[in-house]
C-alpha cells in the first residue's frame, strides 16, 4: 500500500485490514517511516518502508488510497517513480477516490478506463483516461473506485485480481 499524509481514513484502513485478514503480506510504503493518521482521525496506519527501501518487483499488487495523500505524494519524485515502476510491471493497481492522481502523475492513464472522485475527472481526462461513473471499474490490471461507499466493490475486485495471481 502506498500511503501519503492525510489519506482518507477508511480508504487506507479497510483495504489494509481486508488484505491482512486474508493472510496477505502487506507493506505500507510512504515518504517516511512512522504512524500516519487519516484525514479525519479515524485511522492510524504505520508506514513500514520508504520508497527507497521498497522494490516494486517484491509485490503482487499496489493499493492507492485517496483523500489528500495522493496530492502530497505526487510532489515527491521518488513516490511518483515508485508508482511508475510498479505500473510498468503490469501487476494489479487498485486506486480509490483521489488515488488515480498518482497514476496520472506517473503517466499510467493514457487509454485506460477508470473512475475516481468526481472532482478529479478533468485531470484524469487530461491524463488520457476515459473517466466513467461507477462503484468500481476494472480495466485489465487497473482497479478504480470513487469513494469510501464503494469499498465493498473495491475490495471484492482486488480479491478477485489477487486470486487470479494466487489461486487457492
Protein backbone atom coordinates (compact mmCIF):
# COMPACT_ATOMS: atom_id res chain seq x y z
CA UNK A 1 0.00 0.00 0.00
CA UNK A 2 1.28 3.45 -0.93
CA UNK A 3 0.20 5.90 1.76
CA UNK A 4 0.50 9.66 1.95
CA UNK A 5 -0.28 12.18 4.69
CA UNK A 6 -3.98 12.93 5.21
CA UNK A 7 -5.19 9.83 3.37
CA UNK A 8 -8.92 9.14 3.59
CA UNK A 9 -9.23 7.03 6.74
CA UNK A 10 -11.37 4.13 5.55
CA UNK A 11 -9.74 4.02 2.10
CA UNK A 12 -6.49 3.23 3.89
CA UNK A 13 -7.68 1.07 6.78
CA UNK A 14 -10.37 -1.06 5.08
CA UNK A 15 -8.23 -2.45 2.21
CA UNK A 16 -5.30 -2.94 4.60
CA UNK A 17 -7.41 -4.90 7.11
CA UNK A 18 -9.13 -6.77 4.26
CA UNK A 19 -5.83 -7.94 2.75
CA UNK A 20 -4.14 -8.77 6.04
CA UNK A 21 -7.29 -10.57 7.20
CA UNK A 22 -6.93 -12.89 4.22
CA UNK A 23 -3.30 -13.63 5.03
CA UNK A 24 -1.68 -11.28 2.53
CA UNK A 25 1.68 -9.81 3.42
CA UNK A 26 1.26 -6.06 3.06
CA UNK A 27 3.96 -3.42 3.35
CA UNK A 28 2.86 0.16 3.83
CA UNK A 29 5.20 2.39 1.85
CA UNK A 30 5.43 6.16 2.28
CA UNK A 31 7.66 9.20 2.44
CA UNK A 32 9.00 8.34 5.89
CA UNK A 33 8.51 5.62 8.48
CA UNK A 34 6.09 6.17 11.33
CA UNK A 35 2.39 6.33 12.02
CA UNK A 36 0.22 8.38 9.67
CA UNK A 37 -3.19 9.48 10.87
CA UNK A 38 -6.09 9.63 8.46
CA UNK A 39 -7.62 12.89 7.31
CA UNK A 40 -10.48 12.64 9.83
CA UNK A 41 -8.55 10.97 12.67
CA UNK A 42 -10.43 7.67 12.38
CA UNK A 43 -7.40 5.64 11.30
CA UNK A 44 -3.72 5.40 12.17
CA UNK A 45 -1.53 3.30 9.88
CA UNK A 46 2.17 2.64 10.27
CA UNK A 47 4.40 3.31 7.27
CA UNK A 48 6.90 0.46 7.37
CA UNK A 49 9.09 1.26 4.36
CA UNK A 50 10.19 4.34 2.49
CA UNK A 51 10.17 4.49 -1.30
CA UNK A 52 13.93 3.96 -1.50
CA UNK A 53 13.59 0.79 0.63
CA UNK A 54 10.77 -0.79 -1.37
CA UNK A 55 11.13 -2.61 -4.69
CA UNK A 56 8.08 -2.86 -6.98
CA UNK A 57 9.22 -6.34 -8.04
CA UNK A 58 8.55 -7.60 -4.50
CA UNK A 59 4.79 -7.01 -4.65
CA UNK A 60 1.79 -8.62 -6.37
CA UNK A 61 -0.39 -5.53 -6.15
CA UNK A 62 -0.43 -1.86 -5.17
CA UNK A 63 -3.24 -0.07 -3.33
CA UNK A 64 -3.50 3.72 -3.60
CA UNK A 65 -5.94 5.22 -1.06
CA UNK A 66 -7.42 8.64 -1.71
CA UNK A 67 -8.03 11.65 0.45
CA UNK A 68 -5.25 14.22 0.38
CA UNK A 69 -2.46 11.62 0.42
CA UNK A 70 -2.02 11.47 -3.37
CA UNK A 71 -1.73 15.28 -3.60
CA UNK A 72 1.15 15.14 -1.10
CA UNK A 73 2.85 12.13 -2.67
CA UNK A 74 2.75 13.38 -6.24
CA UNK A 75 5.04 16.26 -5.26
CA UNK A 76 7.74 13.71 -4.41
CA UNK A 77 9.78 12.36 -7.35
CA UNK A 78 10.63 9.10 -5.53
CA UNK A 79 6.96 8.38 -4.86
CA UNK A 80 5.95 9.06 -8.46
CA UNK A 81 8.86 6.99 -9.76
CA UNK A 82 7.91 4.07 -7.49
CA UNK A 83 4.33 4.10 -8.81
CA UNK A 84 5.57 4.40 -12.39
CA UNK A 85 7.98 1.47 -11.99
CA UNK A 86 5.25 -0.61 -10.37
CA UNK A 87 2.89 0.26 -13.22
CA UNK A 88 5.46 -0.98 -15.71
CA UNK A 89 5.32 -4.46 -14.12
CA UNK A 90 1.74 -4.96 -15.33
CA UNK A 91 0.67 -6.12 -11.86
CA UNK A 92 -2.60 -5.10 -10.21
CA UNK A 93 -3.01 -1.48 -9.14
CA UNK A 94 -6.08 -0.58 -7.09
CA UNK A 95 -6.73 3.16 -6.69
CA UNK A 96 -9.70 4.77 -4.97
CA UNK A 97 -11.04 8.34 -4.76
CA UNK A 98 -8.05 10.66 -5.37
CA UNK A 99 -5.68 7.68 -5.74
CA UNK A 100 -5.72 7.90 -9.56
CA UNK A 101 -3.91 11.25 -9.25
CA UNK A 102 -0.75 9.25 -8.56
CA UNK A 103 -1.37 7.24 -11.72
CA UNK A 104 -1.77 10.45 -13.71
CA UNK A 105 1.47 11.84 -12.28
CA UNK A 106 3.23 8.58 -13.18
CA UNK A 107 1.91 8.72 -16.76
CA UNK A 108 -0.07 5.47 -16.43
CA UNK A 109 -3.55 6.53 -17.55
CA UNK A 110 -3.30 7.00 -21.32
CA UNK A 111 -6.04 4.93 -22.96
CA UNK A 112 -7.27 3.46 -19.66
CA UNK A 113 -10.89 3.40 -18.45
CA UNK A 114 -11.18 4.48 -14.83
CA UNK A 115 -13.35 6.05 -12.18
CA UNK A 116 -12.49 8.11 -9.11
CA UNK A 117 -13.69 11.02 -7.06
CA UNK A 118 -15.82 13.16 -9.38
CA UNK A 119 -13.77 16.34 -8.85
CA UNK A 120 -10.66 14.76 -10.43
CA UNK A 121 -12.45 13.88 -13.68
CA UNK A 122 -10.98 16.78 -15.70
CA UNK A 123 -7.44 15.98 -14.65
CA UNK A 124 -7.90 12.28 -15.41
CA UNK A 125 -9.26 13.04 -18.88
CA UNK A 126 -6.28 15.35 -19.49
CA UNK A 127 -4.02 12.43 -18.50
CA UNK A 128 -5.60 10.36 -21.27
CA UNK A 129 -8.14 8.34 -19.29
CA UNK A 130 -11.72 7.52 -20.22
CA UNK A 131 -13.35 8.57 -16.93
CA UNK A 132 -16.65 6.91 -16.06
CA UNK A 133 -19.01 6.95 -13.10
CA UNK A 134 -19.42 3.63 -11.32
CA UNK A 135 -18.61 1.97 -8.00
CA UNK A 136 -15.71 0.00 -9.49
CA UNK A 137 -14.10 -0.05 -12.92
CA UNK A 138 -11.69 -2.84 -13.82
CA UNK A 139 -9.52 -2.22 -16.88
CA UNK A 140 -7.06 -5.13 -17.24
CA UNK A 141 -4.72 -4.78 -14.23
CA UNK A 142 -6.22 -1.46 -13.07
CA UNK A 143 -8.99 -1.31 -10.45
CA UNK A 144 -10.52 2.08 -9.58
CA UNK A 145 -13.38 3.23 -7.34
CA UNK A 146 -14.96 6.57 -6.44
CA UNK A 147 -15.14 6.90 -2.66
CA UNK A 148 -15.46 5.07 0.69
CA UNK A 149 -19.01 3.99 -0.18
CA UNK A 150 -17.51 1.82 -2.92
CA UNK A 151 -15.12 -0.08 -0.64
CA UNK A 152 -17.11 -3.36 -0.74
CA UNK A 153 -16.88 -3.46 -4.56
CA UNK A 154 -13.29 -2.20 -4.50
CA UNK A 155 -12.08 -4.91 -2.11
CA UNK A 156 -14.06 -7.60 -3.97
CA UNK A 157 -12.35 -6.61 -7.25
CA UNK A 158 -8.97 -6.58 -5.51
CA UNK A 159 -9.63 -10.03 -4.04
CA UNK A 160 -10.58 -11.40 -7.46
CA UNK A 161 -7.45 -9.94 -9.06
CA UNK A 162 -5.23 -11.43 -6.39
CA UNK A 163 -6.96 -14.81 -6.53
CA UNK A 164 -6.08 -14.90 -10.23
CA UNK A 165 -2.41 -14.47 -9.20
CA UNK A 166 -2.58 -16.85 -6.22
CA UNK A 167 -5.42 -19.35 -6.74
CA UNK A 168 -6.37 -21.21 -3.55
